[in-house]
N, C-alpha and C. Protein backbone atom coordinates (compact mmCIF):
# COMPACT_ATOMS: atom_id res chain seq x y z
N MET A 1 102.84 -160.34 46.48
CA MET A 1 101.69 -159.95 47.41
C MET A 1 101.11 -158.87 46.52
N LYS A 2 101.88 -157.93 45.64
CA LYS A 2 100.77 -157.05 45.34
C LYS A 2 99.94 -157.27 44.14
N LEU A 3 99.14 -156.94 44.07
CA LEU A 3 98.10 -157.61 43.18
C LEU A 3 98.17 -156.25 42.02
N THR A 4 97.68 -156.74 40.52
CA THR A 4 96.89 -155.81 39.67
C THR A 4 96.17 -155.26 39.86
N GLU A 5 95.69 -154.09 39.43
CA GLU A 5 94.33 -153.30 39.39
C GLU A 5 93.00 -154.35 39.22
N THR A 6 93.25 -155.02 38.05
CA THR A 6 92.28 -156.35 37.66
C THR A 6 91.91 -156.73 38.83
N LYS A 7 93.33 -157.60 39.53
CA LYS A 7 92.43 -158.67 40.20
C LYS A 7 91.97 -158.13 41.78
N MET A 8 92.61 -156.91 41.88
CA MET A 8 91.71 -155.98 43.16
C MET A 8 90.31 -156.30 42.97
N LYS A 9 90.22 -155.23 41.80
CA LYS A 9 88.21 -155.02 41.00
C LYS A 9 87.80 -156.79 41.56
N GLN A 10 88.57 -157.66 41.01
CA GLN A 10 88.08 -159.03 41.06
C GLN A 10 87.68 -159.33 42.45
N LEU A 11 88.81 -159.27 43.39
CA LEU A 11 88.70 -159.29 44.53
C LEU A 11 87.35 -158.60 45.35
N LYS A 12 87.27 -157.64 45.12
CA LYS A 12 86.36 -156.99 46.07
C LYS A 12 85.03 -157.47 45.65
N ALA A 13 84.63 -157.24 44.52
CA ALA A 13 83.70 -158.09 43.64
C ALA A 13 83.10 -159.37 44.61
N PHE A 14 84.23 -160.55 44.60
CA PHE A 14 84.08 -161.53 45.54
C PHE A 14 83.66 -161.15 46.42
N HIS A 15 84.62 -160.30 47.32
CA HIS A 15 84.02 -159.96 48.61
C HIS A 15 82.74 -159.14 49.23
N ASP A 16 82.00 -158.53 48.20
CA ASP A 16 80.98 -158.10 47.62
C ASP A 16 79.95 -159.00 47.74
N ARG A 17 80.20 -159.82 47.07
CA ARG A 17 79.06 -161.35 46.82
C ARG A 17 79.25 -162.26 48.04
N CYS A 18 80.02 -162.34 48.61
CA CYS A 18 80.24 -163.02 49.95
C CYS A 18 79.45 -162.39 51.04
N ILE A 19 79.59 -161.20 51.35
CA ILE A 19 78.78 -161.11 52.13
C ILE A 19 77.31 -160.58 52.21
N ILE A 20 76.90 -160.49 51.00
CA ILE A 20 75.33 -161.03 50.42
C ILE A 20 74.86 -162.26 50.66
N ILE A 21 75.51 -162.94 50.19
CA ILE A 21 75.39 -164.54 50.71
C ILE A 21 75.45 -164.73 52.21
N VAL A 22 76.25 -164.51 52.86
CA VAL A 22 76.39 -164.90 54.04
C VAL A 22 75.33 -164.30 54.89
N TYR A 23 75.35 -162.67 54.66
CA TYR A 23 74.04 -162.06 55.36
C TYR A 23 72.67 -162.15 54.79
N ASP A 24 72.29 -163.18 53.55
CA ASP A 24 71.26 -163.34 52.85
C ASP A 24 70.87 -162.49 52.53
N GLY A 25 71.56 -161.49 51.87
CA GLY A 25 71.35 -159.69 51.60
C GLY A 25 70.48 -158.87 52.53
N GLU A 26 69.92 -159.25 53.73
CA GLU A 26 69.77 -158.30 54.69
C GLU A 26 70.82 -158.16 55.54
N ASN A 27 71.39 -156.72 55.88
CA ASN A 27 72.49 -156.02 56.29
C ASN A 27 73.68 -156.21 55.98
N SER A 28 73.44 -156.52 54.36
CA SER A 28 74.39 -155.95 53.53
C SER A 28 75.57 -154.98 53.46
N ASN A 29 75.51 -154.72 54.42
CA ASN A 29 76.03 -153.06 54.94
C ASN A 29 77.32 -153.43 56.17
N GLN A 30 77.50 -154.97 56.25
CA GLN A 30 77.92 -155.43 57.59
C GLN A 30 79.24 -155.20 57.04
N VAL A 31 80.24 -154.75 58.11
CA VAL A 31 81.70 -154.68 58.31
C VAL A 31 82.55 -155.13 58.23
N LEU A 32 82.90 -155.93 57.25
CA LEU A 32 84.09 -156.77 57.51
C LEU A 32 85.54 -156.27 56.89
N PRO A 33 86.58 -157.11 57.39
CA PRO A 33 87.88 -156.54 56.60
C PRO A 33 87.84 -156.49 54.94
N SER A 34 88.34 -155.47 54.64
CA SER A 34 88.30 -155.91 52.87
C SER A 34 89.46 -156.61 52.23
N VAL A 35 89.28 -157.07 51.52
CA VAL A 35 90.63 -157.82 51.07
C VAL A 35 91.81 -157.56 51.01
N ILE A 36 91.87 -156.27 50.50
CA ILE A 36 92.79 -155.20 50.14
C ILE A 36 93.35 -155.51 51.57
N ASN A 37 92.75 -154.79 52.73
CA ASN A 37 93.32 -154.54 53.48
C ASN A 37 93.47 -155.79 54.65
N ALA A 38 92.80 -157.18 54.27
CA ALA A 38 93.43 -158.49 54.81
C ALA A 38 94.86 -159.08 54.06
N ASN A 39 94.81 -158.46 53.51
CA ASN A 39 96.11 -158.63 52.55
C ASN A 39 97.34 -157.76 53.13
N LYS A 40 97.39 -156.66 53.27
CA LYS A 40 98.04 -155.82 54.13
C LYS A 40 98.20 -156.29 55.52
N ILE A 41 97.21 -156.45 56.17
CA ILE A 41 97.26 -157.49 57.36
C ILE A 41 98.38 -158.64 57.46
N ARG A 42 98.28 -159.29 56.82
CA ARG A 42 98.98 -160.11 56.45
C ARG A 42 100.71 -160.11 56.25
N ALA A 43 100.31 -159.12 55.09
CA ALA A 43 102.02 -158.71 54.78
C ALA A 43 102.95 -158.33 56.28
N CYS A 44 102.06 -157.19 56.66
CA CYS A 44 102.68 -156.37 57.87
C CYS A 44 103.55 -157.86 59.30
N LYS A 45 102.22 -158.98 59.51
CA LYS A 45 102.34 -159.83 60.42
C LYS A 45 103.53 -160.39 59.83
N LEU A 46 103.97 -161.19 58.36
CA LEU A 46 105.33 -161.70 57.85
C LEU A 46 106.33 -160.71 58.14
N VAL A 47 105.89 -159.64 58.27
CA VAL A 47 106.90 -158.60 58.31
C VAL A 47 107.77 -158.66 59.60
N GLN A 48 107.07 -158.52 60.48
CA GLN A 48 107.22 -158.30 61.63
C GLN A 48 107.94 -159.82 62.52
N LYS A 49 107.42 -160.54 61.63
CA LYS A 49 107.90 -162.27 62.24
C LYS A 49 109.47 -162.18 61.31
N CYS A 50 109.68 -161.51 60.16
CA CYS A 50 111.09 -161.42 59.97
C CYS A 50 112.08 -160.66 60.66
N ILE A 51 111.35 -159.59 60.98
CA ILE A 51 112.21 -158.62 62.32
C ILE A 51 112.44 -159.26 63.30
N ASP A 52 111.30 -160.07 63.72
CA ASP A 52 111.55 -160.70 65.31
C ASP A 52 112.21 -161.90 65.04
N LYS A 53 112.91 -162.16 64.16
CA LYS A 53 113.50 -163.47 63.39
C LYS A 53 112.65 -164.96 64.07
N ASP A 54 111.52 -164.86 63.80
CA ASP A 54 110.19 -165.70 64.58
C ASP A 54 109.83 -166.69 63.12
N ILE A 55 111.15 -166.81 62.51
CA ILE A 55 110.62 -167.28 60.56
C ILE A 55 112.04 -168.18 60.13
N CYS A 56 111.69 -169.26 59.71
CA CYS A 56 113.13 -170.07 58.77
C CYS A 56 114.12 -169.12 58.31
N ASP A 57 114.92 -169.84 58.34
CA ASP A 57 116.73 -169.29 58.06
C ASP A 57 116.17 -168.17 57.41
N ILE A 58 116.22 -168.43 56.44
CA ILE A 58 116.01 -167.95 54.81
C ILE A 58 115.62 -166.63 55.01
N PHE A 59 114.56 -166.01 55.55
CA PHE A 59 113.74 -165.27 56.12
C PHE A 59 114.65 -163.80 57.13
N LYS A 60 115.30 -164.67 57.68
CA LYS A 60 115.41 -163.97 59.13
C LYS A 60 116.50 -162.75 58.93
N ASP A 61 117.05 -162.45 57.94
CA ASP A 61 117.97 -161.38 57.70
C ASP A 61 117.55 -160.42 56.79
N TYR A 62 116.19 -160.53 56.24
CA TYR A 62 115.54 -160.59 54.85
C TYR A 62 115.36 -158.98 54.90
N PHE A 63 115.09 -157.74 56.39
CA PHE A 63 114.50 -157.02 56.10
C PHE A 63 115.19 -156.24 57.26
N THR A 64 116.07 -154.80 57.07
CA THR A 64 116.78 -154.46 58.02
C THR A 64 116.22 -152.61 58.53
N ILE A 65 116.52 -153.10 60.05
CA ILE A 65 115.87 -151.42 60.15
C ILE A 65 117.10 -150.68 60.55
N GLN A 66 116.68 -149.32 59.37
CA GLN A 66 118.26 -147.91 59.51
C GLN A 66 118.02 -147.05 60.32
N ASN A 67 116.62 -147.10 61.13
CA ASN A 67 116.64 -146.26 62.71
C ASN A 67 116.00 -146.21 63.09
N HIS A 68 115.98 -145.28 64.43
CA HIS A 68 115.55 -145.93 65.85
C HIS A 68 113.52 -145.32 65.74
N GLU A 69 113.29 -145.25 64.52
CA GLU A 69 111.58 -145.07 64.36
C GLU A 69 111.41 -146.46 63.36
N LYS A 70 112.50 -147.71 63.67
CA LYS A 70 112.04 -148.49 62.86
C LYS A 70 111.67 -148.72 61.36
N CYS A 71 112.30 -147.94 60.94
CA CYS A 71 111.75 -148.11 59.19
C CYS A 71 112.66 -148.86 58.73
N LEU A 72 112.39 -149.64 57.56
CA LEU A 72 112.85 -150.89 57.23
C LEU A 72 113.80 -150.21 55.89
N LYS A 73 114.62 -150.44 55.43
CA LYS A 73 115.61 -150.43 54.42
C LYS A 73 114.99 -150.56 53.07
N MET A 74 114.60 -149.50 52.80
CA MET A 74 113.71 -149.81 51.49
C MET A 74 115.26 -150.61 50.21
N PRO A 75 114.83 -151.55 49.54
CA PRO A 75 115.77 -152.29 48.72
C PRO A 75 115.68 -150.98 47.10
N ARG A 76 117.22 -151.46 46.50
CA ARG A 76 117.23 -150.54 45.93
C ARG A 76 116.28 -151.67 44.31
N ILE A 77 115.18 -150.98 43.94
CA ILE A 77 114.30 -151.80 42.44
C ILE A 77 114.56 -150.82 41.48
N ARG A 78 114.79 -151.96 40.18
CA ARG A 78 114.71 -151.21 39.14
C ARG A 78 113.88 -151.98 38.13
N THR A 79 112.66 -152.73 38.33
CA THR A 79 111.83 -153.13 37.25
C THR A 79 110.37 -153.10 37.91
N LYS A 80 109.05 -153.00 37.37
CA LYS A 80 108.42 -153.08 37.71
C LYS A 80 107.98 -154.11 38.25
N TYR A 81 108.56 -155.46 37.56
CA TYR A 81 108.40 -156.87 37.95
C TYR A 81 109.08 -157.07 39.22
N ALA A 82 110.28 -156.42 40.41
CA ALA A 82 110.92 -156.53 41.29
C ALA A 82 109.62 -155.46 42.37
N ARG A 83 108.92 -154.81 42.04
CA ARG A 83 108.61 -153.56 42.69
C ARG A 83 107.13 -154.86 43.61
N LYS A 84 106.20 -156.09 42.49
CA LYS A 84 105.79 -157.00 43.04
C LYS A 84 106.02 -157.77 44.13
N SER A 85 107.48 -157.88 44.35
CA SER A 85 107.93 -158.90 45.33
C SER A 85 107.86 -158.23 46.59
N PHE A 86 107.81 -159.87 47.50
CA PHE A 86 107.94 -159.05 48.80
C PHE A 86 108.34 -158.31 49.34
N TYR A 87 109.91 -158.28 48.67
CA TYR A 87 110.80 -157.91 49.85
C TYR A 87 110.64 -156.13 49.76
N TYR A 88 110.13 -155.93 48.69
CA TYR A 88 109.73 -154.70 48.43
C TYR A 88 108.49 -154.04 49.14
N THR A 89 107.35 -154.71 48.61
CA THR A 89 105.88 -154.39 49.02
C THR A 89 106.00 -154.31 50.95
N GLY A 90 106.49 -155.22 51.20
CA GLY A 90 106.36 -155.46 52.85
C GLY A 90 107.14 -154.55 53.18
N ALA A 91 108.35 -154.09 53.16
CA ALA A 91 108.73 -152.99 53.05
C ALA A 91 108.43 -151.63 53.50
N LYS A 92 107.51 -151.24 52.01
CA LYS A 92 106.63 -150.32 51.41
C LYS A 92 105.97 -150.40 52.30
N ILE A 93 105.47 -151.33 52.85
CA ILE A 93 103.80 -151.28 53.83
C ILE A 93 103.97 -150.95 54.77
N ASP A 94 105.37 -151.78 55.31
CA ASP A 94 105.57 -151.69 56.71
C ASP A 94 106.08 -150.36 57.22
N ASN A 95 106.77 -149.85 56.46
CA ASN A 95 107.08 -147.80 56.44
C ASN A 95 106.01 -147.21 56.51
N LYS A 96 104.74 -147.64 56.01
CA LYS A 96 103.81 -146.88 56.30
C LYS A 96 102.70 -146.68 57.47
N LEU A 97 103.19 -147.61 58.17
CA LEU A 97 102.69 -147.73 59.35
C LEU A 97 102.66 -146.96 60.49
N PRO A 98 101.91 -146.29 61.27
CA PRO A 98 102.25 -145.26 62.15
C PRO A 98 103.14 -146.11 63.41
N LEU A 99 103.98 -145.29 63.57
CA LEU A 99 105.13 -145.41 64.61
C LEU A 99 104.37 -146.47 65.49
N LYS A 100 103.22 -145.93 66.76
CA LYS A 100 102.96 -146.86 67.66
C LYS A 100 103.18 -148.54 67.41
N ILE A 101 102.67 -148.64 65.77
CA ILE A 101 101.97 -150.14 65.79
C ILE A 101 103.70 -150.76 65.43
N ARG A 102 104.79 -150.05 64.81
CA ARG A 102 106.46 -150.57 64.35
C ARG A 102 106.73 -150.29 65.79
N LYS A 103 106.50 -149.81 66.80
CA LYS A 103 107.04 -149.92 68.16
C LYS A 103 106.91 -151.01 68.91
N ALA A 104 105.91 -152.20 68.63
CA ALA A 104 105.29 -152.65 69.40
C ALA A 104 106.30 -153.77 69.80
N THR A 105 105.94 -154.10 71.34
CA THR A 105 106.86 -154.94 71.54
C THR A 105 107.16 -156.21 71.35
N ASN A 106 105.55 -156.71 71.34
CA ASN A 106 105.30 -158.25 70.89
C ASN A 106 104.36 -158.58 69.98
N ALA A 107 104.71 -159.73 69.77
CA ALA A 107 103.46 -160.26 68.50
C ALA A 107 102.04 -159.90 68.13
N ALA A 108 101.36 -160.08 69.86
CA ALA A 108 100.49 -160.25 70.39
C ALA A 108 99.75 -158.27 70.07
N GLU A 109 100.57 -157.24 70.55
CA GLU A 109 100.58 -156.32 70.69
C GLU A 109 100.41 -155.37 69.14
N HIS A 110 101.27 -155.83 68.90
CA HIS A 110 101.45 -155.71 67.28
C HIS A 110 100.62 -156.09 66.07
N GLU A 111 99.71 -156.91 66.57
CA GLU A 111 98.56 -157.73 65.67
C GLU A 111 97.63 -156.96 66.35
N LYS A 112 97.40 -156.88 67.63
CA LYS A 112 96.01 -156.25 67.78
C LYS A 112 95.80 -154.37 67.58
N ASN A 113 97.26 -153.82 67.47
CA ASN A 113 97.21 -152.75 66.53
C ASN A 113 96.76 -152.42 65.13
N LEU A 114 97.85 -153.62 64.43
CA LEU A 114 97.01 -153.68 63.10
C LEU A 114 95.61 -153.91 62.90
N LYS A 115 94.77 -154.64 63.44
CA LYS A 115 93.63 -155.26 63.56
C LYS A 115 92.71 -153.72 63.78
N ASP A 116 93.44 -153.19 64.65
CA ASP A 116 92.48 -151.61 65.19
C ASP A 116 92.67 -150.24 64.21
N LEU A 117 94.74 -150.75 63.52
CA LEU A 117 93.86 -149.52 62.24
C LEU A 117 93.50 -150.20 60.80
N PHE A 118 93.38 -151.66 60.79
CA PHE A 118 93.00 -151.83 59.58
C PHE A 118 91.23 -151.86 59.70
């Protein structure tokens, strides 16, 4: 899930070129979700599915909620490579979300709040 700095720059450049092509060079200041934010939204949706147990059996117990504010228990990571895993980055991104989003009662409300944030 976590991309290197170089890959992020490449994705941003690709995103900017796409906007210019789609809008034919005019109004190229259109506001579209950035690639980085789109990646965060996708990760947050997947984390929420894991928490709601609306996913395959392997991921149903992937994350553990540790308190009333719905913060996820952060795994102990020893290597830089492991910090790129979904298990770590998903929990980290989700814990940084505002409490309103984390306490959403259903998937539709969670998704709407995510789109408003990003």
